């Protein structure tokens, strides 16, 4: 298990380990499966943001994100980053803001959200839009 904030800023290393491709800027979440779908990274301060599909990631650890193939890099999809996202219940009640997210580094499955109002288990997630993350009340 790792937190999104622990992954942000890690170097993205190619299969041969020679020189970092760039640094992780964020993780994109698929709102249907509630898994990490892409690792977003930037190669240089002036370079555009790129993305690796989760299937191209070999390992995620405390020191780096290692990829299976640098050729799998693609233009970054629309971001669905959870950090800083407002949370609403399905009844419309505000539930704070997402501070961090725990996920399984092998399966990419979300485990829990840490919010300004406490911890939320991932099984309460319902939807993710431009305005807010929606969770089941109660």
Protein backbone atom coordinates (compact mmCIF):
# COMPACT_ATOMS: atom_id res chain seq x y z
CA UNK A 1 0.00 0.00 0.00
CA UNK A 2 1.12 3.54 -0.76
CA UNK A 3 -0.34 7.01 -0.58
CA UNK A 4 -0.78 9.27 -3.60
CA UNK A 5 1.34 11.93 -1.86
CA UNK A 6 4.20 9.41 -1.48
CA UNK A 7 4.18 8.71 -5.24
CA UNK A 8 4.07 12.35 -6.34
CA UNK A 9 7.60 13.56 -7.08
CA UNK A 10 9.12 10.08 -7.52
CA UNK A 11 11.40 9.55 -10.53
CA UNK A 12 9.99 7.51 -13.43
CA UNK A 13 12.68 5.01 -14.45
CA UNK A 14 12.90 3.10 -17.75
CA UNK A 15 13.32 -0.71 -17.80
CA UNK A 16 17.11 -0.49 -18.05
CA UNK A 17 17.23 1.95 -15.10
CA UNK A 18 19.43 4.37 -17.03
CA UNK A 19 18.41 7.94 -16.28
CA UNK A 20 15.00 9.04 -15.14
CA UNK A 21 12.38 9.80 -17.79
CA UNK A 22 10.90 12.42 -15.50
CA UNK A 23 9.01 12.86 -12.24
CA UNK A 24 5.49 11.80 -11.23
CA UNK A 25 3.08 14.75 -11.12
CA UNK A 26 -0.11 12.87 -10.24
CA UNK A 27 -2.11 9.68 -10.56
CA UNK A 28 -5.25 9.51 -12.70
CA UNK A 29 -8.19 7.51 -11.34
CA UNK A 30 -10.72 5.55 -13.36
CA UNK A 31 -14.09 6.39 -11.80
CA UNK A 32 -15.72 3.15 -12.99
CA UNK A 33 -13.28 0.61 -11.55
CA UNK A 34 -11.87 2.92 -8.81
CA UNK A 35 -8.32 2.07 -9.78
CA UNK A 36 -5.30 4.11 -10.82
CA UNK A 37 -5.47 4.18 -14.62
CA UNK A 38 -2.42 6.33 -15.46
CA UNK A 39 0.75 7.67 -13.90
CA UNK A 40 1.18 11.27 -15.05
CA UNK A 41 4.71 12.62 -15.30
CA UNK A 42 6.71 15.53 -16.65
CA UNK A 43 10.13 15.08 -18.22
CA UNK A 44 11.36 18.61 -17.68
CA UNK A 45 10.07 21.87 -16.31
CA UNK A 46 9.15 23.05 -19.80
CA UNK A 47 8.13 19.69 -21.26
CA UNK A 48 4.51 18.68 -21.59
CA UNK A 49 2.87 16.29 -19.21
CA UNK A 50 2.80 12.67 -20.37
CA UNK A 51 1.05 9.61 -19.04
CA UNK A 52 1.77 5.93 -18.71
CA UNK A 53 -1.14 3.50 -18.56
CA UNK A 54 -1.02 1.47 -15.35
CA UNK A 55 -0.35 -1.68 -17.40
CA UNK A 56 3.02 -0.16 -18.42
CA UNK A 57 4.11 0.23 -14.78
CA UNK A 58 6.31 -2.57 -13.48
CA UNK A 59 6.68 -1.46 -9.85
CA UNK A 60 5.86 1.46 -7.59
CA UNK A 61 8.03 1.78 -4.54
CA UNK A 62 9.31 4.36 -2.12
CA UNK A 63 12.28 5.19 -4.38
CA UNK A 64 10.83 5.21 -7.90
CA UNK A 65 8.19 4.21 -10.38
CA UNK A 66 9.73 1.64 -12.72
CA UNK A 67 8.11 1.09 -16.11
CA UNK A 68 7.98 -1.97 -18.37
CA UNK A 69 8.38 0.11 -21.52
CA UNK A 70 8.98 3.80 -22.05
CA UNK A 71 7.35 3.36 -25.48
CA UNK A 72 3.98 2.99 -23.73
CA UNK A 73 3.99 6.70 -22.91
CA UNK A 74 1.02 8.51 -24.42
CA UNK A 75 -0.43 12.02 -24.32
CA UNK A 76 -1.96 12.63 -20.92
CA UNK A 77 -5.70 11.86 -20.71
CA UNK A 78 -8.08 14.25 -18.98
CA UNK A 79 -6.94 14.42 -15.35
CA UNK A 80 -9.03 12.81 -12.65
CA UNK A 81 -6.76 13.50 -9.71
CA UNK A 82 -8.48 13.05 -6.36
CA UNK A 83 -6.13 15.14 -4.21
CA UNK A 84 -7.76 18.41 -3.23
CA UNK A 85 -11.13 17.33 -4.67
CA UNK A 86 -14.29 18.40 -2.87
CA UNK A 87 -16.43 15.54 -1.50
CA UNK A 88 -20.22 15.42 -1.55
CA UNK A 89 -22.52 12.65 -0.34
CA UNK A 90 -25.20 11.25 -2.63
CA UNK A 91 -27.67 13.41 -0.67
CA UNK A 92 -25.69 16.58 -1.46
CA UNK A 93 -24.04 17.11 1.93
CA UNK A 94 -20.46 18.39 1.96
CA UNK A 95 -18.01 15.85 3.35
CA UNK A 96 -14.76 17.84 3.22
CA UNK A 97 -11.84 17.59 0.82
CA UNK A 98 -9.54 14.72 -0.19
CA UNK A 99 -6.13 15.04 1.50
CA UNK A 100 -4.68 11.70 0.39
CA UNK A 101 -5.58 8.31 -1.09
CA UNK A 102 -4.24 4.86 -0.18
CA UNK A 103 -3.95 2.34 -3.01
CA UNK A 104 -2.59 -1.16 -3.63
CA UNK A 105 0.59 -0.82 -5.70
CA UNK A 106 0.14 -4.26 -7.30
CA UNK A 107 -3.52 -4.02 -8.37
CA UNK A 108 -3.85 -0.18 -8.51
CA UNK A 109 -7.11 -0.53 -6.55
CA UNK A 110 -8.06 2.35 -4.24
CA UNK A 111 -8.24 1.31 -0.58
CA UNK A 112 -9.21 4.43 1.38
CA UNK A 113 -9.53 8.19 1.16
CA UNK A 114 -8.17 10.44 3.88
CA UNK A 115 -10.21 13.60 4.06
CA UNK A 116 -10.44 16.78 6.09
CA UNK A 117 -13.27 15.04 7.97
CA UNK A 118 -11.74 11.59 8.53
CA UNK A 119 -11.16 8.38 6.63
CA UNK A 120 -13.55 7.03 4.00
CA UNK A 121 -13.38 3.43 2.79
CA UNK A 122 -13.09 3.10 -1.00
CA UNK A 123 -16.29 1.04 -1.20
CA UNK A 124 -18.29 4.25 -0.53
CA UNK A 125 -17.12 5.91 -3.76
CA UNK A 126 -19.89 6.47 -6.29
CA UNK A 127 -18.85 9.03 -8.89
CA UNK A 128 -16.23 11.55 -9.91
CA UNK A 129 -16.98 14.71 -11.81
CA UNK A 130 -15.33 18.01 -12.55
CA UNK A 131 -16.89 19.58 -9.46
CA UNK A 132 -16.67 16.87 -6.80
CA UNK A 133 -16.20 13.29 -5.74
CA UNK A 134 -19.52 11.70 -4.76
CA UNK A 135 -19.68 9.16 -1.94
CA UNK A 136 -22.48 7.09 -0.46
CA UNK A 137 -23.84 8.70 2.72
CA UNK A 138 -23.74 6.91 6.02
